[in-house]
Amino acid sequence: MSADLRGIGWALLVWSVSFANNANEASTWYLNTENDIVFGGDGDYTSGISLGWTSAEQTDRAQLSKANAWQTHFLVPTQDSNNWQTGWRLHQLIWTPPVIEYSRPQPYARPYAGWLGIESHAANYSEHWVHKNWVSVGVTGPMSQADSVQKKVHKWTGSDTPLGWHHQIKNQGTLQLAYEVDGLIKRAPIGGLEWEASGFGYLQAGTLRSELLGGLSLRLGEQLATSFGRQSRHYGQHSRIAPAPEFRWHAYLRLDGGYRFNDLSIEGEVDHDNRTYVEHWRAHGVLGVRLQWGAWSLDTGVHGYRRDYTPDKKPFRGYGSLVISYRG
């Protein structure tokens, strides 16, 4: 990566953090990591990591940072109480073919690909409805530094060295827009706990990936109203939740499906004949648990999804996720 590009990246990060520090109430920092090691090896979507910040919720949008408060005007207001929130995130995604020990091109396997981006988001939380949107800019290819990150991690962990990164998707800038809505179906007590059912719809459009999804969320645990709509289909999204003076938890199952229109991580330009094609019809599920104690929370889950491309020999693949957050 050039010195100029590094300078731009650091400037963007410092810029976002400077606005984050202008918040006048406690906000939340979180680290999200995803990896397919829980399924025994690399292949397809293999790793993701993000560092994010979310503001305290405000009933008055004027109290939000001016840097991204404008995004709240593109959220649908609800008829019950409106609690507004904004945030920033820096994240990286990595994809590889199933066999990483080959240095030669693999025309029938998805190409090596990485993406590095910075993202702004806004949300509107209420008792029965939650609306969220995102705007991100980023870059694929060597500028994403995905090859360097994976090689270093594999060296530290003693894993196989990926040998084909010189055949990765080429540099290309990206712009992504996304919107999600959650609607409460039912919440009721059960055996000293609560259970909850809700539905959600998700749309993202851009040069990296475009898709339309819909799904169902089921939760079981304690004080579910305080965390309704905080989980998301959007990669790495982790919204601030209310402080918990005592330990509380909930387990969740989220299922969704839909249609993917384009995917640059598969269709991007490479230096060889790429004979892979996007699998347009999507299916995804995650089973997980969120634990919270005081200002800290931990969210871990196991994800399964329908293959991203043809001719992948495995109809389904998976990965694990872990999110650690702190409300300062």
C-alpha atoms as a PDB file:
ATOM      1  CA  MET A   1       0.000   0.000   0.000  1.00  0.00           C
ATOM      2  CA  SER A   2       1.365   3.441  -0.894  1.00  0.00           C
ATOM      3  CA  ALA A   3       2.298   5.995   1.736  1.00  0.00           C
ATOM      4  CA  ASP A   4      -0.377   8.324   0.362  1.00  0.00           C
ATOM      5  CA  LEU A   5      -3.082   5.676   0.750  1.00  0.00           C
ATOM      6  CA  ARG A   6      -1.958   4.881   4.286  1.00  0.00           C
ATOM      7  CA  GLY A   7      -2.153   8.583   5.068  1.00  0.00           C
ATOM      8  CA  ILE A   8      -5.687   8.798   3.738  1.00  0.00           C
ATOM      9  CA  GLY A   9      -6.726   5.743   5.753  1.00  0.00           C
ATOM     10  CA  TRP A  10      -5.301   7.110   8.985  1.00  0.00           C
ATOM     11  CA  ALA A  11      -6.848  10.513   8.308  1.00  0.00           C
ATOM     12  CA  LEU A  12     -10.283   8.915   7.866  1.00  0.00           C
ATOM     13  CA  LEU A  13      -9.905   6.931  11.067  1.00  0.00           C
ATOM     14  CA  VAL A  14      -8.742   9.936  13.100  1.00  0.00           C
ATOM     15  CA  TRP A  15     -11.550  12.004  11.575  1.00  0.00           C
ATOM     16  CA  SER A  16     -14.209   9.496  12.611  1.00  0.00           C
ATOM     17  CA  VAL A  17     -12.772   9.070  16.095  1.00  0.00           C
ATOM     18  CA  SER A  18     -12.618  12.831  16.594  1.00  0.00           C
ATOM     19  CA  PHE A  19     -16.346  13.045  15.987  1.00  0.00           C
ATOM     20  CA  ALA A  20     -16.913  10.038  18.206  1.00  0.00           C
ATOM     21  CA  ASN A  21     -15.168  11.817  21.053  1.00  0.00           C
ATOM     22  CA  ASN A  22     -17.584  14.738  20.726  1.00  0.00           C
ATOM     23  CA  ALA A  23     -20.414  12.587  22.082  1.00  0.00           C
ATOM     24  CA  ASN A  24     -21.785  14.060  25.288  1.00  0.00           C
ATOM     25  CA  GLU A  25     -22.955  10.747  26.794  1.00  0.00           C
ATOM     26  CA  ALA A  26     -21.511   7.267  27.189  1.00  0.00           C
ATOM     27  CA  SER A  27     -20.940   5.515  23.874  1.00  0.00           C
ATOM     28  CA  THR A  28     -19.822   1.995  22.931  1.00  0.00           C
ATOM     29  CA  TRP A  29     -16.644   0.640  21.359  1.00  0.00           C
ATOM     30  CA  TYR A  30     -16.621  -2.869  19.927  1.00  0.00           C
ATOM     31  CA  LEU A  31     -14.326  -5.345  18.200  1.00  0.00           C
ATOM     32  CA  ASN A  32     -15.887  -7.894  15.869  1.00  0.00           C
ATOM     33  CA  THR A  33     -14.066 -10.878  14.390  1.00  0.00           C
ATOM     34  CA  GLU A  34     -15.301 -13.676  12.129  1.00  0.00           C
ATOM     35  CA  ASN A  35     -13.367 -16.733  10.953  1.00  0.00           C
ATOM     36  CA  ASP A  36     -14.023 -20.117   9.354  1.00  0.00           C
ATOM     37  CA  ILE A  37     -11.476 -21.882  11.575  1.00  0.00           C
ATOM     38  CA  VAL A  38     -14.378 -23.269  13.628  1.00  0.00           C
ATOM     39  CA  PHE A  39     -15.233 -25.401  10.560  1.00  0.00           C
ATOM     40  CA  GLY A  40     -11.679 -26.703  10.174  1.00  0.00           C
ATOM     41  CA  GLY A  41      -9.976 -24.602   7.504  1.00  0.00           C
ATOM     42  CA  ASP A  42      -9.956 -21.832   4.930  1.00  0.00           C
ATOM     43  CA  GLY A  43     -12.204 -21.475   1.938  1.00  0.00           C
ATOM     44  CA  ASP A  44     -14.745 -18.973   0.600  1.00  0.00           C
ATOM     45  CA  TYR A  45     -15.440 -16.271   3.222  1.00  0.00           C
ATOM     46  CA  THR A  46     -12.548 -16.962   5.561  1.00  0.00           C
ATOM     47  CA  SER A  47     -12.096 -13.919   7.820  1.00  0.00           C
ATOM     48  CA  GLY A  48     -13.499 -10.555   8.803  1.00  0.00           C
ATOM     49  CA  ILE A  49     -12.539  -8.036  11.438  1.00  0.00           C
ATOM     50  CA  SER A  50     -13.950  -4.637  12.368  1.00  0.00           C
ATOM     51  CA  LEU A  51     -13.449  -1.933  14.963  1.00  0.00           C
ATOM     52  CA  GLY A  52     -16.534   0.172  15.588  1.00  0.00           C
ATOM     53  CA  TRP A  53     -18.039   2.936  17.690  1.00  0.00           C
ATOM     54  CA  THR A  54     -21.692   3.763  18.352  1.00  0.00           C
ATOM     55  CA  SER A  55     -23.083   6.824  20.032  1.00  0.00           C
ATOM     56  CA  ALA A  56     -25.443   6.971  22.974  1.00  0.00           C
ATOM     57  CA  GLU A  57     -29.092   6.975  21.915  1.00  0.00           C
ATOM     58  CA  GLN A  58     -30.702  10.410  21.715  1.00  0.00           C
ATOM     59  CA  THR A  59     -34.341  11.413  21.561  1.00  0.00           C
ATOM     60  CA  ASP A  60     -33.208  14.690  19.973  1.00  0.00           C
ATOM     61  CA  ARG A  61     -31.259  14.283  16.723  1.00  0.00           C
ATOM     62  CA  ALA A  62     -29.574  17.642  17.331  1.00  0.00           C
ATOM     63  CA  GLN A  63     -27.507  15.960  20.049  1.00  0.00           C
ATOM     64  CA  LEU A  64     -25.857  13.584  17.550  1.00  0.00           C
ATOM     65  CA  SER A  65     -22.524  14.196  15.841  1.00  0.00           C
ATOM     66  CA  LYS A  66     -23.039  16.413  12.791  1.00  0.00           C
ATOM     67  CA  ALA A  67     -20.642  14.213  10.805  1.00  0.00           C
ATOM     68  CA  ASN A  68     -23.299  11.553  10.206  1.00  0.00           C
ATOM     69  CA  ALA A  69     -26.494  12.828  11.857  1.00  0.00           C
ATOM     70  CA  TRP A  70     -27.695  13.623   8.319  1.00  0.00           C
ATOM     71  CA  GLN A  71     -28.227   9.879   7.810  1.00  0.00           C
ATOM     72  CA  THR A  72     -31.036   9.866  10.373  1.00  0.00           C
ATOM     73  CA  HIS A  73     -33.146  11.930   7.934  1.00  0.00           C
ATOM     74  CA  PHE A  74     -33.125   8.893   5.615  1.00  0.00           C
ATOM     75  CA  LEU A  75     -34.640   6.637   8.290  1.00  0.00           C
ATOM     76  CA  VAL A  76     -38.377   6.039   8.550  1.00  0.00           C
ATOM     77  CA  PRO A  77     -39.674   7.628  11.801  1.00  0.00           C
ATOM     78  CA  THR A  78     -41.927   5.446  13.954  1.00  0.00           C
ATOM     79  CA  GLN A  79     -45.208   6.281  15.663  1.00  0.00           C
ATOM     80  CA  ASP A  80     -43.920   5.343  19.112  1.00  0.00           C
ATOM     81  CA  SER A  81     -40.791   6.700  20.829  1.00  0.00           C
ATOM     82  CA  ASN A  82     -37.807   7.474  18.586  1.00  0.00           C
ATOM     83  CA  ASN A  83     -34.281   6.903  19.888  1.00  0.00           C
ATOM     84  CA  TRP A  84     -31.606   7.954  17.412  1.00  0.00           C
ATOM     85  CA  GLN A  85     -28.064   6.594  17.194  1.00  0.00           C
ATOM     86  CA  THR A  86     -25.084   6.978  14.859  1.00  0.00           C
ATOM     87  CA  GLY A  87     -21.724   5.267  14.550  1.00  0.00           C
ATOM     88  CA  TRP A  88     -18.532   4.568  12.630  1.00  0.00           C
ATOM     89  CA  ARG A  89     -16.688   1.417  11.690  1.00  0.00           C
ATOM     90  CA  LEU A  90     -13.409   0.398  10.048  1.00  0.00           C
ATOM     91  CA  HIS A  91     -13.426  -3.157   8.706  1.00  0.00           C
ATOM     92  CA  GLN A  92     -11.725  -5.712   6.482  1.00  0.00           C
ATOM     93  CA  LEU A  93     -13.109  -8.827   4.759  1.00  0.00           C
ATOM     94  CA  ILE A  94     -11.100 -11.716   3.257  1.00  0.00           C
ATOM     95  CA  TRP A  95     -12.091 -14.481   0.821  1.00  0.00           C
ATOM     96  CA  THR A  96      -9.925 -17.345  -0.485  1.00  0.00           C
ATOM     97  CA  PRO A  97     -10.287 -20.475  -2.612  1.00  0.00           C
ATOM     98  CA  PRO A  98     -10.770 -23.752  -0.697  1.00  0.00           C
ATOM     99  CA  VAL A  99      -7.158 -24.821  -1.328  1.00  0.00           C
ATOM    100  CA  ILE A 100      -4.642 -22.118  -0.375  1.00  0.00           C
ATOM    101  CA  GLU A 101      -1.471 -24.212  -0.873  1.00  0.00           C
ATOM    102  CA  TYR A 102      -1.502 -23.725  -4.672  1.00  0.00           C
ATOM    103  CA  SER A 103       0.444 -20.817  -6.153  1.00  0.00           C
ATOM    104  CA  ARG A 104      -1.081 -21.364  -9.598  1.00  0.00           C
ATOM    105  CA  PRO A 105      -4.448 -19.892 -10.659  1.00  0.00           C
ATOM    106  CA  GLN A 106      -7.556 -21.902  -9.763  1.00  0.00           C
ATOM    107  CA  PRO A 107     -10.127 -20.996 -12.439  1.00  0.00           C
ATOM    108  CA  TYR A 108     -12.917 -23.130 -10.936  1.00  0.00           C
ATOM    109  CA  ALA A 109     -12.491 -21.829  -7.375  1.00  0.00           C
ATOM    110  CA  ARG A 110     -13.393 -18.359  -6.151  1.00  0.00           C
ATOM    111  CA  PRO A 111     -10.452 -15.965  -6.481  1.00  0.00           C
ATOM    112  CA  TYR A 112      -8.489 -14.521  -3.585  1.00  0.00           C
ATOM    113  CA  ALA A 113     -10.128 -11.243  -2.605  1.00  0.00           C
ATOM    114  CA  GLY A 114      -9.944  -8.650   0.147  1.00  0.00           C
ATOM    115  CA  TRP A 115     -11.894  -5.517   0.995  1.00  0.00           C
ATOM    116  CA  LEU A 116     -11.004  -2.662   3.345  1.00  0.00           C
ATOM    117  CA  GLY A 117     -13.542   0.041   4.121  1.00  0.00           C
ATOM    118  CA  ILE A 118     -14.795   2.734   6.446  1.00  0.00           C
ATOM    119  CA  GLU A 119     -18.490   3.020   7.214  1.00  0.00           C
ATOM    120  CA  SER A 120     -20.982   5.396   8.774  1.00  0.00           C
ATOM    121  CA  HIS A 121     -24.337   4.242  10.092  1.00  0.00           C
ATOM    122  CA  ALA A 122     -27.494   5.587  11.717  1.00  0.00           C
ATOM    123  CA  ALA A 123     -30.368   3.907  13.546  1.00  0.00           C
ATOM    124  CA  ASN A 124     -33.794   4.671  14.953  1.00  0.00           C
ATOM    125  CA  TYR A 125     -34.922   2.410  17.820  1.00  0.00           C
ATOM    126  CA  SER A 126     -38.449   2.161  19.149  1.00  0.00           C
ATOM    127  CA  GLU A 127     -40.570  -0.364  21.007  1.00  0.00           C
ATOM    128  CA  HIS A 128     -41.908  -2.176  17.948  1.00  0.00           C
ATOM    129  CA  TRP A 129     -39.771  -1.029  14.996  1.00  0.00           C
ATOM    130  CA  VAL A 130     -36.069  -0.472  14.305  1.00  0.00           C
ATOM    131  CA  HIS A 131     -34.657   1.187  11.197  1.00  0.00           C
ATOM    132  CA  LYS A 132     -30.947   1.286  10.290  1.00  0.00           C
ATOM    133  CA  ASN A 133     -28.898   2.525   7.346  1.00  0.00           C
ATOM    134  CA  TRP A 134     -25.247   2.447   6.308  1.00  0.00           C
ATOM    135  CA  VAL A 135     -22.911   4.240   3.885  1.00  0.00           C
ATOM    136  CA  SER A 136     -19.441   2.847   3.236  1.00  0.00           C
ATOM    137  CA  VAL A 137     -16.490   3.461   0.929  1.00  0.00           C
ATOM    138  CA  GLY A 138     -13.661   1.026   0.446  1.00  0.00           C
ATOM    139  CA  VAL A 139     -11.249  -0.719  -1.862  1.00  0.00           C
ATOM    140  CA  THR A 140     -10.617  -4.271  -3.059  1.00  0.00           C
ATOM    141  CA  GLY A 141      -7.342  -5.746  -4.242  1.00  0.00           C
ATOM    142  CA  PRO A 142      -3.790  -5.362  -2.903  1.00  0.00           C
ATOM    143  CA  MET A 143      -4.733  -1.982  -1.397  1.00  0.00           C
ATOM    144  CA  SER A 144      -6.991  -3.813   1.066  1.00  0.00           C
ATOM    145  CA  GLN A 145      -3.887  -5.425   2.626  1.00  0.00           C
ATOM    146  CA  ALA A 146      -5.828  -8.686   3.000  1.00  0.00           C
ATOM    147  CA  ASP A 147      -2.888 -10.768   1.779  1.00  0.00           C
ATOM    148  CA  SER A 148      -0.519  -9.294   4.366  1.00  0.00           C
ATOM    149  CA  VAL A 149      -3.015  -9.764   7.184  1.00  0.00           C
ATOM    150  CA  GLN A 150      -3.786 -13.396   6.348  1.00  0.00           C
ATOM    151  CA  LYS A 151      -0.134 -14.344   5.884  1.00  0.00           C
ATOM    152  CA  LYS A 152       0.829 -12.808   9.226  1.00  0.00           C
ATOM    153  CA  VAL A 153      -2.061 -14.431  11.087  1.00  0.00           C
ATOM    154  CA  HIS A 154      -1.263 -17.829   9.574  1.00  0.00           C
ATOM    155  CA  LYS A 155       2.385 -17.418  10.549  1.00  0.00           C
ATOM    156  CA  TRP A 156       1.437 -16.565  14.151  1.00  0.00           C
ATOM    157  CA  THR A 157      -0.980 -19.504  14.394  1.00  0.00           C
ATOM    158  CA  GLY A 158       1.185 -22.045  12.558  1.00  0.00           C
ATOM    159  CA  SER A 159      -1.425 -22.489   9.795  1.00  0.00           C
ATOM    160  CA  ASP A 160      -0.732 -23.240   6.132  1.00  0.00           C
ATOM    161  CA  THR A 161       0.765 -20.349   4.181  1.00  0.00           C
ATOM    162  CA  PRO A 162      -1.571 -18.995   1.474  1.00  0.00           C
ATOM    163  CA  LEU A 163       0.419 -19.057  -1.771  1.00  0.00           C
ATOM    164  CA  GLY A 164      -1.939 -17.612  -4.377  1.00  0.00           C
ATOM    165  CA  TRP A 165      -2.499 -14.008  -3.317  1.00  0.00           C
ATOM    166  CA  HIS A 166      -0.658 -12.718  -6.409  1.00  0.00           C
ATOM    167  CA  HIS A 167      -3.752 -13.840  -8.367  1.00  0.00           C
ATOM    168  CA  GLN A 168      -6.212 -11.845  -6.240  1.00  0.00           C
ATOM    169  CA  ILE A 169      -8.969  -9.504  -7.418  1.00  0.00           C
ATOM    170  CA  LYS A 170      -7.410  -6.255  -8.630  1.00  0.00           C
ATOM    171  CA  ASN A 171      -7.686  -2.822  -6.992  1.00  0.00           C
ATOM    172  CA  GLN A 172     -11.102  -1.219  -7.321  1.00  0.00           C
ATOM    173  CA  GLY A 173     -12.871   1.443  -5.265  1.00  0.00           C
ATOM    174  CA  THR A 174     -16.316   0.636  -3.874  1.00  0.00           C
ATOM    175  CA  LEU A 175     -19.393   2.480  -2.623  1.00  0.00           C
ATOM    176  CA  GLN A 176     -22.100   0.697  -0.611  1.00  0.00           C
ATOM    177  CA  LEU A 177     -25.534   1.780   0.661  1.00  0.00           C
ATOM    178  CA  ALA A 178     -27.687  -0.404   2.904  1.00  0.00           C
ATOM    179  CA  TYR A 179     -30.985  -0.285   4.806  1.00  0.00           C
ATOM    180  CA  GLU A 180     -32.570  -2.653   7.331  1.00  0.00           C
ATOM    181  CA  VAL A 181     -35.891  -2.732   9.182  1.00  0.00           C
ATOM    182  CA  ASP A 182     -36.871  -4.958  12.136  1.00  0.00           C
ATOM    183  CA  GLY A 183     -40.484  -5.441  13.247  1.00  0.00           C
ATOM    184  CA  LEU A 184     -41.579  -7.018  16.534  1.00  0.00           C
ATOM    185  CA  ILE A 185     -44.058  -9.872  16.113  1.00  0.00           C
ATOM    186  CA  LYS A 186     -44.439 -11.126  19.697  1.00  0.00           C
ATOM    187  CA  ARG A 187     -42.706 -10.938  23.074  1.00  0.00           C
ATOM    188  CA  ALA A 188     -43.984 -12.836  26.107  1.00  0.00           C
ATOM    189  CA  PRO A 189     -42.813 -14.349  29.421  1.00  0.00           C
ATOM    190  CA  ILE A 190     -41.928 -18.030  29.647  1.00  0.00           C
ATOM    191  CA  GLY A 191     -40.641 -19.835  32.739  1.00  0.00           C
ATOM    192  CA  GLY A 192     -39.065 -16.788  34.359  1.00  0.00           C
ATOM    193  CA  LEU A 193     -37.529 -15.655  31.048  1.00  0.00           C
ATOM    194  CA  GLU A 194     -38.867 -13.998  27.893  1.00  0.00           C
ATOM    195  CA  TRP A 195     -39.174 -15.201  24.336  1.00  0.00           C
ATOM    196  CA  GLU A 196     -39.440 -12.989  21.281  1.00  0.00           C
ATOM    197  CA  ALA A 197     -40.150 -13.315  17.566  1.00  0.00           C
ATOM    198  CA  SER A 198     -39.462 -10.582  15.017  1.00  0.00           C
ATOM    199  CA  GLY A 199     -39.074 -10.226  11.279  1.00  0.00           C
ATOM    200  CA  PHE A 200     -36.507  -8.228   9.331  1.00  0.00           C
ATOM    201  CA  GLY A 201     -35.778  -7.046   5.825  1.00  0.00           C
ATOM    202  CA  TYR A 202     -32.376  -6.022   4.492  1.00  0.00           C
ATOM    203  CA  LEU A 203     -31.272  -4.321   1.268  1.00  0.00           C
ATOM    204  CA  GLN A 204     -27.753  -3.367   0.236  1.00  0.00           C
ATOM    205  CA  ALA A 205     -26.693  -1.959  -3.108  1.00  0.00           C
ATOM    206  CA  GLY A 206     -23.271  -1.048  -4.399  1.00  0.00           C
ATOM    207  CA  THR A 207     -20.225  -1.971  -6.415  1.00  0.00           C
ATOM    208  CA  LEU A 208     -19.021  -4.549  -3.876  1.00  0.00           C
ATOM    209  CA  ARG A 209     -22.275  -6.451  -3.400  1.00  0.00           C
ATOM    210  CA  SER A 210     -26.016  -5.955  -3.929  1.00  0.00           C
ATOM    211  CA  GLU A 211     -28.711  -8.142  -2.378  1.00  0.00           C
ATOM    212  CA  LEU A 212     -32.250  -8.203  -1.016  1.00  0.00           C
ATOM    213  CA  LEU A 213     -32.946 -10.411   2.021  1.00  0.00           C
ATOM    214  CA  GLY A 214     -35.753 -11.151   4.453  1.00  0.00           C
ATOM    215  CA  GLY A 215     -35.767 -13.228   7.602  1.00  0.00           C
ATOM    216  CA  LEU A 216     -36.993 -14.234  11.045  1.00  0.00           C
ATOM    217  CA  SER A 217     -35.337 -13.713  14.437  1.00  0.00           C
ATOM    218  CA  LEU A 218     -36.135 -15.797  17.557  1.00  0.00           C
ATOM    219  CA  ARG A 219     -34.710 -14.919  20.996  1.00  0.00           C
ATOM    220  CA  LEU A 220     -34.901 -16.336  24.497  1.00  0.00           C
ATOM    221  CA  GLY A 221     -33.473 -14.629  27.549  1.00  0.00           C
ATOM    222  CA  GLU A 222     -33.735 -11.729  29.972  1.00  0.00           C
ATOM    223  CA  GLN A 223     -35.002  -8.137  29.467  1.00  0.00           C
ATOM    224  CA  LEU A 224     -35.260  -8.549  25.700  1.00  0.00           C
ATOM    225  CA  ALA A 225     -36.848  -5.138  25.183  1.00  0.00           C
ATOM    226  CA  THR A 226     -33.524  -3.455  26.085  1.00  0.00           C
ATOM    227  CA  SER A 227     -31.749  -5.106  23.121  1.00  0.00           C
ATOM    228  CA  PHE A 228     -34.487  -5.372  20.486  1.00  0.00           C
ATOM    229  CA  GLY A 229     -33.149  -4.743  16.982  1.00  0.00           C
ATOM    230  CA  ARG A 230     -29.524  -4.424  18.082  1.00  0.00           C
ATOM    231  CA  GLN A 231     -28.428  -7.436  16.061  1.00  0.00           C
ATOM    232  CA  SER A 232     -28.307  -7.157  12.308  1.00  0.00           C
ATOM    233  CA  ARG A 233     -27.852  -8.966   8.993  1.00  0.00           C
ATOM    234  CA  HIS A 234     -25.326  -6.296   8.062  1.00  0.00           C
ATOM    235  CA  TYR A 235     -21.769  -7.529   8.448  1.00  0.00           C
ATOM    236  CA  GLY A 236     -20.182  -6.683  11.798  1.00  0.00           C
ATOM    237  CA  GLN A 237     -22.975  -4.382  12.991  1.00  0.00           C
ATOM    238  CA  HIS A 238     -23.123  -4.230  16.791  1.00  0.00           C
ATOM    239  CA  SER A 239     -25.296  -1.503  18.273  1.00  0.00           C
ATOM    240  CA  ARG A 240     -25.055  -0.041  21.757  1.00  0.00           C
ATOM    241  CA  ILE A 241     -27.265  -1.723  24.357  1.00  0.00           C
ATOM    242  CA  ALA A 242     -28.522  -0.415  27.668  1.00  0.00           C
ATOM    243  CA  PRO A 243     -26.183  -0.860  30.671  1.00  0.00           C
ATOM    244  CA  ALA A 244     -26.807  -3.923  32.841  1.00  0.00           C
ATOM    245  CA  PRO A 245     -26.129  -3.500  36.566  1.00  0.00           C
ATOM    246  CA  GLU A 246     -26.605  -7.266  36.870  1.00  0.00           C
ATOM    247  CA  PHE A 247     -25.663 -10.127  34.555  1.00  0.00           C
ATOM    248  CA  ARG A 248     -28.145 -10.828  31.793  1.00  0.00           C
ATOM    249  CA  TRP A 249     -28.177 -12.907  28.628  1.00  0.00           C
ATOM    250  CA  HIS A 250     -30.154 -14.027  25.636  1.00  0.00           C
ATOM    251  CA  ALA A 251     -29.814 -16.764  23.026  1.00  0.00           C
ATOM    252  CA  TYR A 252     -30.882 -16.174  19.440  1.00  0.00           C
ATOM    253  CA  LEU A 253     -31.585 -17.889  16.144  1.00  0.00           C
ATOM    254  CA  ARG A 254     -31.740 -15.811  12.964  1.00  0.00           C
ATOM    255  CA  LEU A 255     -32.698 -17.230   9.556  1.00  0.00           C
ATOM    256  CA  ASP A 256     -32.878 -15.347   6.274  1.00  0.00           C
ATOM    257  CA  GLY A 257     -32.946 -15.794   2.532  1.00  0.00           C
ATOM    258  CA  GLY A 258     -33.107 -13.726  -0.622  1.00  0.00           C
ATOM    259  CA  TYR A 259     -31.381 -12.787  -3.856  1.00  0.00           C
ATOM    260  CA  ARG A 260     -27.875 -11.487  -4.550  1.00  0.00           C
ATOM    261  CA  PHE A 261     -27.470  -9.430  -7.706  1.00  0.00           C
ATOM    262  CA  ASN A 262     -23.700  -8.906  -7.898  1.00  0.00           C
ATOM    263  CA  ASP A 263     -20.541  -9.751  -5.957  1.00  0.00           C
ATOM    264  CA  LEU A 264     -17.228  -8.071  -6.772  1.00  0.00           C
ATOM    265  CA  SER A 265     -15.290 -10.575  -4.646  1.00  0.00           C
ATOM    266  CA  ILE A 266     -16.230 -13.204  -7.255  1.00  0.00           C
ATOM    267  CA  GLU A 267     -16.732 -11.173 -10.431  1.00  0.00           C
ATOM    268  CA  GLY A 268     -13.834  -8.720 -10.063  1.00  0.00           C
ATOM    269  CA  GLU A 269     -10.959  -8.505 -12.526  1.00  0.00           C
ATOM    270  CA  VAL A 270      -8.167 -11.076 -12.113  1.00  0.00           C
ATOM    271  CA  ASP A 271      -5.069 -12.075 -14.074  1.00  0.00           C
ATOM    272  CA  HIS A 272      -6.468 -15.451 -15.166  1.00  0.00           C
ATOM    273  CA  ASP A 273      -9.551 -17.094 -16.626  1.00  0.00           C
ATOM    274  CA  ASN A 274     -12.172 -16.997 -13.862  1.00  0.00           C
ATOM    275  CA  ARG A 275     -14.869 -19.620 -14.421  1.00  0.00           C
ATOM    276  CA  THR A 276     -16.820 -19.045 -11.226  1.00  0.00           C
ATOM    277  CA  TYR A 277     -20.293 -17.514 -11.128  1.00  0.00           C
ATOM    278  CA  VAL A 278     -22.343 -15.881  -8.389  1.00  0.00           C
ATOM    279  CA  GLU A 279     -24.952 -18.079  -6.701  1.00  0.00           C
ATOM    280  CA  HIS A 280     -27.827 -15.600  -6.723  1.00  0.00           C
ATOM    281  CA  TRP A 281     -30.286 -17.302  -4.360  1.00  0.00           C
ATOM    282  CA  ARG A 282     -29.184 -16.878  -0.756  1.00  0.00           C
ATOM    283  CA  ALA A 283     -29.799 -18.659   2.550  1.00  0.00           C
ATOM    284  CA  HIS A 284     -28.131 -17.895   5.888  1.00  0.00           C
ATOM    285  CA  GLY A 285     -28.597 -18.775   9.538  1.00  0.00           C
ATOM    286  CA  VAL A 286     -26.857 -18.008  12.825  1.00  0.00           C
ATOM    287  CA  LEU A 287     -27.242 -19.537  16.286  1.00  0.00           C
ATOM    288  CA  GLY A 288     -25.661 -17.566  19.090  1.00  0.00           C
ATOM    289  CA  VAL A 289     -25.719 -16.078  22.558  1.00  0.00           C
ATOM    290  CA  ARG A 290     -25.112 -12.584  23.947  1.00  0.00           C
ATOM    291  CA  LEU A 291     -23.848 -12.098  27.504  1.00  0.00           C
ATOM    292  CA  GLN A 292     -23.752  -8.774  29.318  1.00  0.00           C
ATOM    293  CA  TRP A 293     -22.353  -7.653  32.661  1.00  0.00           C
ATOM    294  CA  GLY A 294     -22.151  -3.977  33.522  1.00  0.00           C
ATOM    295  CA  ALA A 295     -20.430  -2.046  30.737  1.00  0.00           C
ATOM    296  CA  TRP A 296     -19.134  -5.177  28.973  1.00  0.00           C
ATOM    297  CA  SER A 297     -20.862  -7.517  26.556  1.00  0.00           C
ATOM    298  CA  LEU A 298     -19.856 -10.577  24.555  1.00  0.00           C
ATOM    299  CA  ASP A 299     -21.698 -11.982  21.544  1.00  0.00           C
ATOM    300  CA  THR A 300     -20.684 -15.257  19.917  1.00  0.00           C
ATOM    301  CA  GLY A 301     -22.368 -17.225  17.150  1.00  0.00           C
ATOM    302  CA  VAL A 302     -22.014 -19.990  14.565  1.00  0.00           C
ATOM    303  CA  HIS A 303     -23.095 -19.109  11.015  1.00  0.00           C
ATOM    304  CA  GLY A 304     -24.048 -21.297   8.074  1.00  0.00           C
ATOM    305  CA  TYR A 305     -24.789 -20.084   4.543  1.00  0.00           C
ATOM    306  CA  ARG A 306     -25.526 -21.375   1.063  1.00  0.00           C
ATOM    307  CA  ARG A 307     -22.459 -21.390  -1.168  1.00  0.00           C
ATOM    308  CA  ASP A 308     -21.516 -18.060  -2.739  1.00  0.00           C
ATOM    309  CA  TYR A 309     -20.493 -19.351  -6.148  1.00  0.00           C
ATOM    310  CA  THR A 310     -20.738 -22.120  -8.724  1.00  0.00           C
ATOM    311  CA  PRO A 311     -19.002 -24.580  -9.062  1.00  0.00           C
ATOM    312  CA  ASP A 312     -18.226 -24.752  -5.315  1.00  0.00           C
ATOM    313  CA  LYS A 313     -18.447 -28.453  -4.409  1.00  0.00           C
ATOM    314  CA  LYS A 314     -19.857 -27.750  -0.944  1.00  0.00           C
ATOM    315  CA  PRO A 315     -23.530 -26.674  -0.940  1.00  0.00           C
ATOM    316  CA  PHE A 316     -23.131 -24.934   2.434  1.00  0.00           C
ATOM    317  CA  ARG A 317     -20.255 -23.275   4.290  1.00  0.00           C
ATOM    318  CA  GLY A 318     -19.852 -21.632   7.670  1.00  0.00           C
ATOM    319  CA  TYR A 319     -17.857 -19.503  10.088  1.00  0.00           C
ATOM    320  CA  GLY A 320     -17.858 -18.386  13.693  1.00  0.00           C
ATOM    321  CA  SER A 321     -18.203 -14.848  15.079  1.00  0.00           C
ATOM    322  CA  LEU A 322     -17.150 -13.108  18.277  1.00  0.00           C
ATOM    323  CA  VAL A 323     -17.960  -9.540  19.338  1.00  0.00           C
ATOM    324  CA  ILE A 324     -16.585  -7.850  22.455  1.00  0.00           C
ATOM    325  CA  SER A 325     -17.944  -4.422  23.372  1.00  0.00           C
ATOM    326  CA  TYR A 326     -17.476  -1.867  26.097  1.00  0.00           C
ATOM    327  CA  ARG A 327     -19.786   0.989  27.013  1.00  0.00           C
ATOM    328  CA  GLY A 328     -17.561   3.827  28.198  1.00  0.00           C
END
